[in-house]
Protein backbone atom coordinates (compact mmCIF):
# COMPACT_ATOMS: atom_id res chain seq x y z
CA UNK A 1 135.76 64.25 58.54
CA UNK A 2 135.37 65.90 55.14
CA UNK A 3 134.58 69.58 54.59
CA UNK A 4 133.33 70.89 51.25
CA UNK A 5 133.21 74.60 50.49
CA UNK A 6 130.60 76.09 48.20
CA UNK A 7 131.05 79.07 45.85
CA UNK A 8 129.79 81.45 48.54
CA UNK A 9 132.29 80.18 51.09
CA UNK A 10 129.80 78.18 53.12
CA UNK A 11 131.43 75.08 54.55
CA UNK A 12 129.54 71.81 54.70
CA UNK A 13 131.05 69.19 56.96
CA UNK A 14 130.47 65.46 56.63
CA UNK A 15 131.57 62.90 59.18
CA UNK A 16 132.32 59.61 57.48
CA UNK A 17 132.72 56.53 59.60
CA UNK A 18 135.06 54.04 57.94
CA UNK A 19 133.52 51.20 59.96
CA UNK A 20 130.07 52.18 58.62
CA UNK A 21 131.34 52.13 55.04
CA UNK A 22 133.02 48.75 55.56
CA UNK A 23 129.85 47.38 57.17
CA UNK A 24 127.83 48.68 54.21
CA UNK A 25 130.14 46.88 51.78
CA UNK A 26 129.94 43.69 53.83
CA UNK A 27 126.14 43.87 53.96
CA UNK A 28 125.89 44.60 50.20
CA UNK A 29 123.96 47.82 50.67
CA UNK A 30 123.40 50.15 47.78
CA UNK A 31 123.98 53.63 49.13
CA UNK A 32 122.03 56.19 47.18
CA UNK A 33 122.23 59.94 47.85
CA UNK A 34 118.79 59.94 49.49
CA UNK A 35 119.18 56.71 51.48
CA UNK A 36 120.50 56.26 54.99
CA UNK A 37 122.91 53.60 56.10
CA UNK A 38 120.66 51.52 58.29
CA UNK A 39 121.30 47.98 59.42
CA UNK A 40 118.19 47.82 61.61
CA UNK A 41 114.96 49.69 61.02
CA UNK A 42 111.30 49.61 62.09
CA UNK A 43 108.81 49.89 59.21
CA UNK A 44 105.32 48.91 58.05
CA UNK A 45 105.22 45.63 56.10
CA UNK A 46 102.64 44.54 53.55
CA UNK A 47 102.48 41.62 51.15
CA UNK A 48 102.09 41.37 47.38
CA UNK A 49 98.72 40.98 45.68
CA UNK A 50 98.12 37.66 43.93
CA UNK A 51 98.03 39.38 40.51
CA UNK A 52 101.85 39.66 40.55
CA UNK A 53 102.41 35.86 40.47
CA UNK A 54 104.72 35.01 37.56
CA UNK A 55 105.57 38.61 36.64
CA UNK A 56 109.19 39.74 36.50
CA UNK A 57 110.63 41.45 39.57
CA UNK A 58 112.96 44.43 39.19
CA UNK A 59 115.88 42.00 39.62
CA UNK A 60 114.68 39.98 36.62
CA UNK A 61 113.57 36.97 38.68
CA UNK A 62 109.99 35.76 38.25
CA UNK A 63 107.81 36.61 41.24
CA UNK A 64 106.59 33.60 43.23
CA UNK A 65 104.30 33.81 46.27
CA UNK A 66 105.78 30.62 47.71
CA UNK A 67 109.34 32.00 47.90
CA UNK A 68 110.76 33.98 50.83
CA UNK A 69 111.55 37.21 48.99
CA UNK A 70 110.68 40.89 49.34
CA UNK A 71 110.71 44.34 47.77
CA UNK A 72 112.57 47.27 49.38
CA UNK A 73 113.22 50.86 48.26
CA UNK A 74 117.03 50.92 48.45
CA UNK A 75 118.61 47.64 49.55
CA UNK A 76 120.63 45.83 46.90
CA UNK A 77 119.14 42.81 45.19
CA UNK A 78 120.37 39.67 46.91
CA UNK A 79 120.56 41.31 50.36
CA UNK A 80 119.20 39.05 53.10
CA UNK A 81 116.97 40.63 55.71
CA UNK A 82 115.68 39.25 59.00
CA UNK A 83 112.10 40.49 59.41
CA UNK A 84 110.56 40.39 62.90
CA UNK A 85 106.84 41.00 63.41
CA UNK A 86 106.59 43.33 66.44
CA UNK A 87 103.05 42.24 67.30
CA UNK A 88 103.88 38.54 67.78
CA UNK A 89 107.70 38.19 67.62
CA UNK A 90 107.61 35.80 64.65
CA UNK A 91 110.66 35.95 62.38
CA UNK A 92 111.43 35.19 58.72
CA UNK A 93 114.54 35.58 56.54
CA UNK A 94 113.89 37.03 53.08
CA UNK A 95 116.02 37.92 50.08
CA UNK A 96 115.49 41.32 48.43
CA UNK A 97 114.68 40.78 44.75
CA UNK A 98 112.29 43.61 43.91
CA UNK A 99 111.95 47.36 44.27
CA UNK A 100 109.29 49.40 46.08
CA UNK A 101 108.30 52.74 44.55
CA UNK A 102 110.33 55.60 46.11
CA UNK A 103 107.19 57.29 47.47
CA UNK A 104 105.69 54.11 48.97
CA UNK A 105 104.53 54.43 52.59
CA UNK A 106 105.50 50.79 53.18
CA UNK A 107 109.01 49.84 54.24
CA UNK A 108 108.94 46.32 52.81
CA UNK A 109 106.59 44.26 50.65
CA UNK A 110 106.74 40.52 51.33
CA UNK A 111 105.57 37.40 49.53
CA UNK A 112 102.53 35.53 50.82
CA UNK A 113 104.82 32.77 52.16
CA UNK A 114 106.77 35.32 54.24
CA UNK A 115 103.55 37.02 55.44
CA UNK A 116 102.22 33.64 56.56
CA UNK A 117 105.39 32.95 58.57
CA UNK A 118 104.99 36.36 60.21
CA UNK A 119 101.30 35.66 60.90
CA UNK A 120 99.82 38.87 59.48
CA UNK A 121 97.96 37.71 56.35
CA UNK A 122 94.52 38.38 57.83
CA UNK A 123 95.61 41.80 59.15
CA UNK A 124 97.22 42.87 55.85
CA UNK A 125 99.79 45.23 57.41
CA UNK A 126 102.07 45.00 60.43
CA UNK A 127 104.98 46.82 62.07
CA UNK A 128 108.26 44.94 61.68
CA UNK A 129 111.94 45.39 62.31
CA UNK A 130 114.33 44.82 59.44
CA UNK A 131 117.86 43.67 60.12
CA UNK A 132 120.44 43.01 57.42
CA UNK A 133 122.02 39.59 57.91
CA UNK A 134 124.60 37.45 56.09
CA UNK A 135 123.21 35.01 53.52
CA UNK A 136 122.05 31.75 55.07
CA UNK A 137 124.18 28.65 54.55
CA UNK A 138 122.29 26.19 52.42
CA UNK A 139 122.98 22.46 52.75
CA UNK A 140 124.02 22.28 49.06
CA UNK A 141 126.66 24.98 49.69
CA UNK A 142 128.12 22.97 52.59
CA UNK A 143 128.41 19.86 50.41
CA UNK A 144 130.14 21.79 47.57
CA UNK A 145 132.76 23.17 50.00
CA UNK A 146 133.71 19.71 51.28
């Protein structure tokens, strides 16, 4: 617990959970003053318009509709997120590589490939849960370790 006192003597108390901070470091979250430490959240998902194909993402990577990537307001680039469509229970793993505008009403913006796996392309929007997960193990990585 941490208490800060202002000039007028008003005390503000913060409760800091060490396990939450350690989990945040492990999950590669970027904690900004206005963001909440959330490892699971329910939001509205959309997918990118075709006009963004080939443009640079905020991370510097070129945007590709056929990749499993997404934009989020606060999660660090490179964070892996399990996205579950609540209307049909389909699941996809995506890597955060772009930024949503701070005032966006959407919680995540997915590529067309991810939207297809979640079966909501025709609908355009859907409610999803987001869960931060460790990076997937790719076959190439396994071979390099051996």
